[in-house]
């Protein structure tokens, strides 16, 4: 899939997730099990439940839900991401219907799914079009779970130092400086869609120097936006930074949040 320019994201800098797919598949961890246990308590991720994972990427959430017995389909605009997702699902012995498609155009019939999920991706979508399509493909009373899994640079010095280096190479990157503040009710929420649940918690996620380098390369500020030459130059300097300032293994503080929205 060619690079896309997304309104309001990184000052119009093109983003191509396919360029980061290999690092994404190997180094980008999915949300911790605590999130899926919490969602299950709200009735999401149950055995036999039909779930559509929007912007599935390499399928980290789709695979976690399938392992819990859900019947999962996943869509993403990037063919490279979908190919990685298919390989990882096959490795785990999971049957998941992965397809190349934008979240705004899910290639499924009416009332196909009971739940839709969107992890770390809803900001990239045309929300109005996605909501309209979810009204079509979800069963009556269907739900959408939107989740995020972000490091906390204002309270974690490793994350802060890595972000500062990212900005030197990509000053258009606008995801830096996340303060951890999340709200229960988004300002774009249609009047007839209810916030059924809201949760957040912090997690200290383990990394090695190598895996943290891979995680940062897999971010849209580096691997999905920069040339291969610039990615290599960034990674060289990032490696030197981590060698100077971190032990071989460490944790990075992350915040996990999720909203469960119920459609009429």
C-alpha atoms as a PDB file:
ATOM      1  CA  UNK A   1       0.000   0.000   0.000  1.00  0.00           C
ATOM      2  CA  UNK A   2       1.389   3.412  -0.909  1.00  0.00           C
ATOM      3  CA  UNK A   3       1.851   6.109   1.683  1.00  0.00           C
ATOM      4  CA  UNK A   4      -1.243   8.016   2.800  1.00  0.00           C
ATOM      5  CA  UNK A   5      -1.609  11.638   3.838  1.00  0.00           C
ATOM      6  CA  UNK A   6      -3.950  11.816   6.817  1.00  0.00           C
ATOM      7  CA  UNK A   7      -5.579  15.159   7.659  1.00  0.00           C
ATOM      8  CA  UNK A   8      -4.459  16.480  11.024  1.00  0.00           C
ATOM      9  CA  UNK A   9      -1.708  13.872  11.487  1.00  0.00           C
ATOM     10  CA  UNK A  10       1.957  14.933  11.474  1.00  0.00           C
ATOM     11  CA  UNK A  11       1.284  18.117   9.485  1.00  0.00           C
ATOM     12  CA  UNK A  12       0.348  16.144   6.389  1.00  0.00           C
ATOM     13  CA  UNK A  13       3.520  14.044   6.257  1.00  0.00           C
ATOM     14  CA  UNK A  14       2.835  10.789   4.338  1.00  0.00           C
ATOM     15  CA  UNK A  15       2.575   7.638   6.463  1.00  0.00           C
ATOM     16  CA  UNK A  16       3.132   4.124   5.118  1.00  0.00           C
ATOM     17  CA  UNK A  17       2.707   1.448   7.776  1.00  0.00           C
ATOM     18  CA  UNK A  18       3.847  -1.198   5.312  1.00  0.00           C
ATOM     19  CA  UNK A  19       7.368   0.212   5.502  1.00  0.00           C
ATOM     20  CA  UNK A  20       7.486  -0.688   9.192  1.00  0.00           C
ATOM     21  CA  UNK A  21       5.723  -4.058   8.981  1.00  0.00           C
ATOM     22  CA  UNK A  22       8.727  -6.270   9.714  1.00  0.00           C
ATOM     23  CA  UNK A  23       9.667  -4.322  12.847  1.00  0.00           C
ATOM     24  CA  UNK A  24       5.999  -3.995  13.776  1.00  0.00           C
ATOM     25  CA  UNK A  25       5.524  -7.765  13.670  1.00  0.00           C
ATOM     26  CA  UNK A  26       8.674  -8.539  15.652  1.00  0.00           C
ATOM     27  CA  UNK A  27       8.980  -5.721  18.146  1.00  0.00           C
ATOM     28  CA  UNK A  28       5.659  -3.985  18.682  1.00  0.00           C
ATOM     29  CA  UNK A  29       3.906  -5.662  21.617  1.00  0.00           C
ATOM     30  CA  UNK A  30       0.159  -5.745  21.947  1.00  0.00           C
ATOM     31  CA  UNK A  31      -1.700  -4.481  25.001  1.00  0.00           C
ATOM     32  CA  UNK A  32      -1.193  -6.526  28.181  1.00  0.00           C
ATOM     33  CA  UNK A  33      -3.528  -9.371  29.093  1.00  0.00           C
ATOM     34  CA  UNK A  34      -5.055  -7.175  31.791  1.00  0.00           C
ATOM     35  CA  UNK A  35      -6.830  -5.178  29.084  1.00  0.00           C
ATOM     36  CA  UNK A  36      -8.430  -8.253  27.533  1.00  0.00           C
ATOM     37  CA  UNK A  37      -9.502  -9.529  30.949  1.00  0.00           C
ATOM     38  CA  UNK A  38     -11.145  -6.162  31.643  1.00  0.00           C
ATOM     39  CA  UNK A  39     -12.879  -6.126  28.266  1.00  0.00           C
ATOM     40  CA  UNK A  40     -14.115  -9.657  28.853  1.00  0.00           C
ATOM     41  CA  UNK A  41     -15.685  -8.460  32.103  1.00  0.00           C
ATOM     42  CA  UNK A  42     -17.680  -6.004  29.962  1.00  0.00           C
ATOM     43  CA  UNK A  43     -18.727  -8.797  27.594  1.00  0.00           C
ATOM     44  CA  UNK A  44     -16.137  -8.256  24.855  1.00  0.00           C
ATOM     45  CA  UNK A  45     -13.929 -11.085  23.629  1.00  0.00           C
ATOM     46  CA  UNK A  46     -16.238 -13.930  24.625  1.00  0.00           C
ATOM     47  CA  UNK A  47     -16.044 -17.385  23.028  1.00  0.00           C
ATOM     48  CA  UNK A  48     -18.029 -17.490  19.806  1.00  0.00           C
ATOM     49  CA  UNK A  49     -18.468 -13.708  19.655  1.00  0.00           C
ATOM     50  CA  UNK A  50     -18.135 -12.240  16.149  1.00  0.00           C
ATOM     51  CA  UNK A  51     -15.603  -9.399  16.233  1.00  0.00           C
ATOM     52  CA  UNK A  52     -14.255  -7.027  13.570  1.00  0.00           C
ATOM     53  CA  UNK A  53     -10.801  -5.603  14.350  1.00  0.00           C
ATOM     54  CA  UNK A  54     -10.370  -2.293  12.531  1.00  0.00           C
ATOM     55  CA  UNK A  55      -6.880  -1.141  11.549  1.00  0.00           C
ATOM     56  CA  UNK A  56      -5.653  -4.548  12.657  1.00  0.00           C
ATOM     57  CA  UNK A  57      -2.007  -3.973  11.671  1.00  0.00           C
ATOM     58  CA  UNK A  58      -0.158  -7.223  12.295  1.00  0.00           C
ATOM     59  CA  UNK A  59      -3.159  -8.575  14.188  1.00  0.00           C
ATOM     60  CA  UNK A  60      -1.979  -8.232  17.795  1.00  0.00           C
ATOM     61  CA  UNK A  61      -5.500  -7.604  19.115  1.00  0.00           C
ATOM     62  CA  UNK A  62      -7.166  -9.941  16.632  1.00  0.00           C
ATOM     63  CA  UNK A  63      -4.929 -12.812  17.740  1.00  0.00           C
ATOM     64  CA  UNK A  64      -5.490 -12.101  21.437  1.00  0.00           C
ATOM     65  CA  UNK A  65      -9.255 -12.188  20.934  1.00  0.00           C
ATOM     66  CA  UNK A  66      -9.111 -15.317  18.779  1.00  0.00           C
ATOM     67  CA  UNK A  67      -7.106 -17.078  21.494  1.00  0.00           C
ATOM     68  CA  UNK A  68     -10.012 -16.356  23.833  1.00  0.00           C
ATOM     69  CA  UNK A  69     -12.373 -18.141  21.459  1.00  0.00           C
ATOM     70  CA  UNK A  70     -13.871 -15.209  19.547  1.00  0.00           C
ATOM     71  CA  UNK A  71     -14.558 -15.434  15.801  1.00  0.00           C
ATOM     72  CA  UNK A  72     -12.405 -12.607  14.472  1.00  0.00           C
ATOM     73  CA  UNK A  73     -11.996 -10.727  11.202  1.00  0.00           C
ATOM     74  CA  UNK A  74      -9.353  -8.036  10.784  1.00  0.00           C
ATOM     75  CA  UNK A  75      -8.934  -5.331   8.145  1.00  0.00           C
ATOM     76  CA  UNK A  76      -6.122  -2.915   7.385  1.00  0.00           C
ATOM     77  CA  UNK A  77      -5.242  -0.636   4.461  1.00  0.00           C
ATOM     78  CA  UNK A  78      -1.689  -2.009   4.300  1.00  0.00           C
ATOM     79  CA  UNK A  79      -1.190  -5.252   2.393  1.00  0.00           C
ATOM     80  CA  UNK A  80       2.203  -5.709   4.054  1.00  0.00           C
ATOM     81  CA  UNK A  81       0.594  -5.482   7.487  1.00  0.00           C
ATOM     82  CA  UNK A  82      -2.075  -8.017   6.538  1.00  0.00           C
ATOM     83  CA  UNK A  83       0.543 -10.420   5.184  1.00  0.00           C
ATOM     84  CA  UNK A  84       2.425 -10.228   8.476  1.00  0.00           C
ATOM     85  CA  UNK A  85      -0.846 -10.729  10.370  1.00  0.00           C
ATOM     86  CA  UNK A  86      -1.663 -13.847   8.355  1.00  0.00           C
ATOM     87  CA  UNK A  87       1.775 -15.343   8.996  1.00  0.00           C
ATOM     88  CA  UNK A  88       1.624 -14.659  12.736  1.00  0.00           C
ATOM     89  CA  UNK A  89      -1.881 -16.132  13.018  1.00  0.00           C
ATOM     90  CA  UNK A  90      -0.779 -19.244  11.143  1.00  0.00           C
ATOM     91  CA  UNK A  91       2.219 -19.565  13.464  1.00  0.00           C
ATOM     92  CA  UNK A  92      -0.153 -19.529  16.440  1.00  0.00           C
ATOM     93  CA  UNK A  93      -2.567 -21.985  14.810  1.00  0.00           C
ATOM     94  CA  UNK A  94      -5.368 -19.415  14.673  1.00  0.00           C
ATOM     95  CA  UNK A  95      -8.049 -19.002  12.027  1.00  0.00           C
ATOM     96  CA  UNK A  96      -8.687 -15.282  11.460  1.00  0.00           C
ATOM     97  CA  UNK A  97     -10.240 -13.681   8.385  1.00  0.00           C
ATOM     98  CA  UNK A  98      -7.721 -10.970   7.504  1.00  0.00           C
ATOM     99  CA  UNK A  99      -8.471  -8.694   4.553  1.00  0.00           C
ATOM    100  CA  UNK A 100      -6.925  -5.611   2.951  1.00  0.00           C
ATOM    101  CA  UNK A 101      -9.501  -2.826   3.355  1.00  0.00           C
ATOM    102  CA  UNK A 102      -9.792   0.592   4.977  1.00  0.00           C
ATOM    103  CA  UNK A 103     -11.796   0.932   8.168  1.00  0.00           C
ATOM    104  CA  UNK A 104     -14.165   3.224   6.260  1.00  0.00           C
ATOM    105  CA  UNK A 105     -15.039   0.418   3.822  1.00  0.00           C
ATOM    106  CA  UNK A 106     -15.358  -2.903   5.686  1.00  0.00           C
ATOM    107  CA  UNK A 107     -16.056  -5.602   3.063  1.00  0.00           C
ATOM    108  CA  UNK A 108     -18.776  -7.376   5.027  1.00  0.00           C
ATOM    109  CA  UNK A 109     -22.543  -7.606   4.963  1.00  0.00           C
ATOM    110  CA  UNK A 110     -25.089  -6.040   7.263  1.00  0.00           C
ATOM    111  CA  UNK A 111     -25.239  -7.186  10.894  1.00  0.00           C
ATOM    112  CA  UNK A 112     -22.210  -9.444  10.542  1.00  0.00           C
ATOM    113  CA  UNK A 113     -20.523  -8.589  13.858  1.00  0.00           C
ATOM    114  CA  UNK A 114     -21.493  -8.133  17.490  1.00  0.00           C
ATOM    115  CA  UNK A 115     -18.390  -6.110  18.369  1.00  0.00           C
ATOM    116  CA  UNK A 116     -15.781  -3.970  16.627  1.00  0.00           C
ATOM    117  CA  UNK A 117     -12.381  -3.148  18.092  1.00  0.00           C
ATOM    118  CA  UNK A 118      -9.831  -0.472  17.223  1.00  0.00           C
ATOM    119  CA  UNK A 119      -6.527  -0.411  19.073  1.00  0.00           C
ATOM    120  CA  UNK A 120      -4.098   2.481  18.655  1.00  0.00           C
ATOM    121  CA  UNK A 121      -5.596   3.416  15.295  1.00  0.00           C
ATOM    122  CA  UNK A 122      -8.920   5.256  15.569  1.00  0.00           C
ATOM    123  CA  UNK A 123      -7.264   8.672  15.217  1.00  0.00           C
ATOM    124  CA  UNK A 124      -6.205   7.715  11.675  1.00  0.00           C
ATOM    125  CA  UNK A 125      -9.777   7.070  10.497  1.00  0.00           C
ATOM    126  CA  UNK A 126     -12.488   9.228   9.005  1.00  0.00           C
ATOM    127  CA  UNK A 127     -14.633   8.842  12.115  1.00  0.00           C
ATOM    128  CA  UNK A 128     -17.918   9.866  10.519  1.00  0.00           C
ATOM    129  CA  UNK A 129     -17.576   7.279   7.751  1.00  0.00           C
ATOM    130  CA  UNK A 130     -16.428   4.556  10.138  1.00  0.00           C
ATOM    131  CA  UNK A 131     -19.356   5.146  12.504  1.00  0.00           C
ATOM    132  CA  UNK A 132     -21.768   4.996   9.569  1.00  0.00           C
ATOM    133  CA  UNK A 133     -20.294   1.676   8.436  1.00  0.00           C
ATOM    134  CA  UNK A 134     -20.387   0.256  11.940  1.00  0.00           C
ATOM    135  CA  UNK A 135     -24.091   1.003  12.100  1.00  0.00           C
ATOM    136  CA  UNK A 136     -24.364  -1.228   9.037  1.00  0.00           C
ATOM    137  CA  UNK A 137     -22.111  -4.168   9.951  1.00  0.00           C
ATOM    138  CA  UNK A 138     -22.869  -4.387  13.686  1.00  0.00           C
ATOM    139  CA  UNK A 139     -25.896  -6.172  15.079  1.00  0.00           C
ATOM    140  CA  UNK A 140     -28.451  -4.015  16.959  1.00  0.00           C
ATOM    141  CA  UNK A 141     -26.919  -2.925  20.244  1.00  0.00           C
ATOM    142  CA  UNK A 142     -23.459  -3.754  18.928  1.00  0.00           C
ATOM    143  CA  UNK A 143     -20.406  -2.282  20.597  1.00  0.00           C
ATOM    144  CA  UNK A 144     -17.129  -0.635  19.627  1.00  0.00           C
ATOM    145  CA  UNK A 145     -14.087  -0.920  21.900  1.00  0.00           C
ATOM    146  CA  UNK A 146     -11.464   1.766  21.239  1.00  0.00           C
ATOM    147  CA  UNK A 147      -8.184   1.236  23.083  1.00  0.00           C
ATOM    148  CA  UNK A 148      -4.726   2.773  23.303  1.00  0.00           C
ATOM    149  CA  UNK A 149      -1.362   1.563  24.561  1.00  0.00           C
ATOM    150  CA  UNK A 150       1.029   4.511  24.869  1.00  0.00           C
ATOM    151  CA  UNK A 151       4.348   5.030  26.598  1.00  0.00           C
ATOM    152  CA  UNK A 152       4.496   7.933  29.063  1.00  0.00           C
ATOM    153  CA  UNK A 153       7.410  10.258  28.231  1.00  0.00           C
ATOM    154  CA  UNK A 154       6.620  12.742  31.002  1.00  0.00           C
ATOM    155  CA  UNK A 155       7.191  10.111  33.681  1.00  0.00           C
ATOM    156  CA  UNK A 156       9.596   7.710  31.952  1.00  0.00           C
ATOM    157  CA  UNK A 157      13.107   9.033  31.153  1.00  0.00           C
ATOM    158  CA  UNK A 158      13.882   6.365  28.548  1.00  0.00           C
ATOM    159  CA  UNK A 159      10.740   7.187  26.595  1.00  0.00           C
ATOM    160  CA  UNK A 160      11.488  10.907  26.908  1.00  0.00           C
ATOM    161  CA  UNK A 161      15.043  10.541  25.570  1.00  0.00           C
ATOM    162  CA  UNK A 162      13.893   8.400  22.652  1.00  0.00           C
ATOM    163  CA  UNK A 163      11.165  10.880  21.764  1.00  0.00           C
ATOM    164  CA  UNK A 164      13.651  13.748  21.747  1.00  0.00           C
ATOM    165  CA  UNK A 165      15.774  11.855  19.240  1.00  0.00           C
ATOM    166  CA  UNK A 166      12.738  11.038  17.074  1.00  0.00           C
ATOM    167  CA  UNK A 167      11.913  14.743  16.895  1.00  0.00           C
ATOM    168  CA  UNK A 168      15.426  15.562  15.730  1.00  0.00           C
ATOM    169  CA  UNK A 169      14.914  13.281  12.732  1.00  0.00           C
ATOM    170  CA  UNK A 170      11.214  13.953  12.220  1.00  0.00           C
ATOM    171  CA  UNK A 171      10.047  17.349  13.525  1.00  0.00           C
ATOM    172  CA  UNK A 172       6.644  16.755  11.888  1.00  0.00           C
ATOM    173  CA  UNK A 173       5.865  13.936  14.318  1.00  0.00           C
ATOM    174  CA  UNK A 174       3.067  15.154  16.569  1.00  0.00           C
ATOM    175  CA  UNK A 175       2.622  12.197  18.919  1.00  0.00           C
ATOM    176  CA  UNK A 176       5.377  13.284  21.311  1.00  0.00           C
ATOM    177  CA  UNK A 177       4.732  14.469  24.857  1.00  0.00           C
ATOM    178  CA  UNK A 178       1.671  12.396  25.725  1.00  0.00           C
ATOM    179  CA  UNK A 179       0.702  13.422  29.255  1.00  0.00           C
ATOM    180  CA  UNK A 180      -1.467  10.390  30.003  1.00  0.00           C
ATOM    181  CA  UNK A 181      -4.705  12.346  30.216  1.00  0.00           C
ATOM    182  CA  UNK A 182      -7.614  10.479  28.675  1.00  0.00           C
ATOM    183  CA  UNK A 183     -11.309  11.232  28.828  1.00  0.00           C
ATOM    184  CA  UNK A 184     -14.320   8.960  28.983  1.00  0.00           C
ATOM    185  CA  UNK A 185     -16.429  10.757  26.373  1.00  0.00           C
ATOM    186  CA  UNK A 186     -14.830  11.823  23.060  1.00  0.00           C
ATOM    187  CA  UNK A 187     -16.071  15.062  21.547  1.00  0.00           C
ATOM    188  CA  UNK A 188     -16.933  13.351  18.248  1.00  0.00           C
ATOM    189  CA  UNK A 189     -19.321  10.819  19.811  1.00  0.00           C
ATOM    190  CA  UNK A 190     -22.783  10.770  18.158  1.00  0.00           C
ATOM    191  CA  UNK A 191     -25.646  11.555  20.506  1.00  0.00           C
ATOM    192  CA  UNK A 192     -27.209   8.117  20.182  1.00  0.00           C
ATOM    193  CA  UNK A 193     -24.013   6.159  20.915  1.00  0.00           C
ATOM    194  CA  UNK A 194     -23.484   5.596  24.644  1.00  0.00           C
ATOM    195  CA  UNK A 195     -20.248   5.220  26.608  1.00  0.00           C
ATOM    196  CA  UNK A 196     -20.917   1.909  28.306  1.00  0.00           C
ATOM    197  CA  UNK A 197     -17.537   1.590  30.021  1.00  0.00           C
ATOM    198  CA  UNK A 198     -14.263   3.455  30.405  1.00  0.00           C
ATOM    199  CA  UNK A 199     -11.043   2.173  31.955  1.00  0.00           C
ATOM    200  CA  UNK A 200      -7.362   2.952  32.191  1.00  0.00           C
ATOM    201  CA  UNK A 201      -4.301   1.614  33.989  1.00  0.00           C
ATOM    202  CA  UNK A 202      -0.506   1.825  33.831  1.00  0.00           C
ATOM    203  CA  UNK A 203       1.875  -0.999  32.998  1.00  0.00           C
ATOM    204  CA  UNK A 204       5.655  -1.299  33.150  1.00  0.00           C
ATOM    205  CA  UNK A 205       6.454  -3.034  29.857  1.00  0.00           C
ATOM    206  CA  UNK A 206       9.746  -4.971  29.657  1.00  0.00           C
ATOM    207  CA  UNK A 207      12.217  -4.287  26.835  1.00  0.00           C
ATOM    208  CA  UNK A 208      15.806  -4.937  25.930  1.00  0.00           C
ATOM    209  CA  UNK A 209      17.862  -2.324  24.130  1.00  0.00           C
ATOM    210  CA  UNK A 210      17.263  -4.218  20.881  1.00  0.00           C
ATOM    211  CA  UNK A 211      13.520  -4.604  21.325  1.00  0.00           C
ATOM    212  CA  UNK A 212      13.056  -0.947  22.361  1.00  0.00           C
ATOM    213  CA  UNK A 213      14.988   0.137  19.262  1.00  0.00           C
ATOM    214  CA  UNK A 214      12.684  -2.066  17.202  1.00  0.00           C
ATOM    215  CA  UNK A 215       9.620  -0.679  18.958  1.00  0.00           C
ATOM    216  CA  UNK A 216      10.633   2.884  18.120  1.00  0.00           C
ATOM    217  CA  UNK A 217      11.471   1.979  14.517  1.00  0.00           C
ATOM    218  CA  UNK A 218       7.951   0.542  14.286  1.00  0.00           C
ATOM    219  CA  UNK A 219       6.354   3.839  15.291  1.00  0.00           C
ATOM    220  CA  UNK A 220       4.812   6.062  12.674  1.00  0.00           C
ATOM    221  CA  UNK A 221       7.317   8.795  13.488  1.00  0.00           C
ATOM    222  CA  UNK A 222      10.217   6.676  12.204  1.00  0.00           C
ATOM    223  CA  UNK A 223       9.613   3.486  10.215  1.00  0.00           C
ATOM    224  CA  UNK A 224       6.323   4.554   8.661  1.00  0.00           C
ATOM    225  CA  UNK A 225       7.481   8.057   7.709  1.00  0.00           C
ATOM    226  CA  UNK A 226      11.223   8.263   7.039  1.00  0.00           C
ATOM    227  CA  UNK A 227      13.394   6.955   4.215  1.00  0.00           C
ATOM    228  CA  UNK A 228      15.409   3.777   4.791  1.00  0.00           C
ATOM    229  CA  UNK A 229      18.564   5.901   4.973  1.00  0.00           C
ATOM    230  CA  UNK A 230      17.106   8.136   7.655  1.00  0.00           C
ATOM    231  CA  UNK A 231      15.697   5.170   9.586  1.00  0.00           C
ATOM    232  CA  UNK A 232      19.177   3.614   9.636  1.00  0.00           C
ATOM    233  CA  UNK A 233      20.783   6.880  10.744  1.00  0.00           C
ATOM    234  CA  UNK A 234      18.204   7.306  13.501  1.00  0.00           C
ATOM    235  CA  UNK A 235      18.616   3.723  14.674  1.00  0.00           C
ATOM    236  CA  UNK A 236      22.401   4.075  14.861  1.00  0.00           C
ATOM    237  CA  UNK A 237      22.115   7.129  17.086  1.00  0.00           C
ATOM    238  CA  UNK A 238      19.333   5.539  19.127  1.00  0.00           C
ATOM    239  CA  UNK A 239      21.518   2.494  19.742  1.00  0.00           C
ATOM    240  CA  UNK A 240      24.368   4.727  20.931  1.00  0.00           C
ATOM    241  CA  UNK A 241      21.979   6.624  23.207  1.00  0.00           C
ATOM    242  CA  UNK A 242      20.638   3.454  24.810  1.00  0.00           C
ATOM    243  CA  UNK A 243      24.131   2.006  25.246  1.00  0.00           C
ATOM    244  CA  UNK A 244      25.114   5.152  27.192  1.00  0.00           C
ATOM    245  CA  UNK A 245      22.021   5.578  29.311  1.00  0.00           C
ATOM    246  CA  UNK A 246      20.263   2.249  29.931  1.00  0.00           C
ATOM    247  CA  UNK A 247      21.008  -1.223  31.280  1.00  0.00           C
ATOM    248  CA  UNK A 248      20.661  -4.123  28.808  1.00  0.00           C
ATOM    249  CA  UNK A 249      17.093  -4.746  30.039  1.00  0.00           C
ATOM    250  CA  UNK A 250      14.588  -2.257  31.440  1.00  0.00           C
ATOM    251  CA  UNK A 251      10.912  -1.364  31.568  1.00  0.00           C
ATOM    252  CA  UNK A 252       9.065   1.551  29.990  1.00  0.00           C
ATOM    253  CA  UNK A 253       5.938   2.899  31.665  1.00  0.00           C
ATOM    254  CA  UNK A 254       2.830   2.768  29.459  1.00  0.00           C
ATOM    255  CA  UNK A 255      -0.765   3.842  29.902  1.00  0.00           C
ATOM    256  CA  UNK A 256      -3.548   1.604  28.650  1.00  0.00           C
ATOM    257  CA  UNK A 257      -7.034   2.991  28.163  1.00  0.00           C
ATOM    258  CA  UNK A 258     -10.242   1.744  26.594  1.00  0.00           C
ATOM    259  CA  UNK A 259     -13.744   2.979  25.900  1.00  0.00           C
ATOM    260  CA  UNK A 260     -16.646   0.656  25.199  1.00  0.00           C
ATOM    261  CA  UNK A 261     -19.304   2.353  23.091  1.00  0.00           C
ATOM    262  CA  UNK A 262     -22.755   0.877  22.524  1.00  0.00           C
ATOM    263  CA  UNK A 263     -24.717   1.563  19.368  1.00  0.00           C
ATOM    264  CA  UNK A 264     -28.523   1.829  19.487  1.00  0.00           C
END
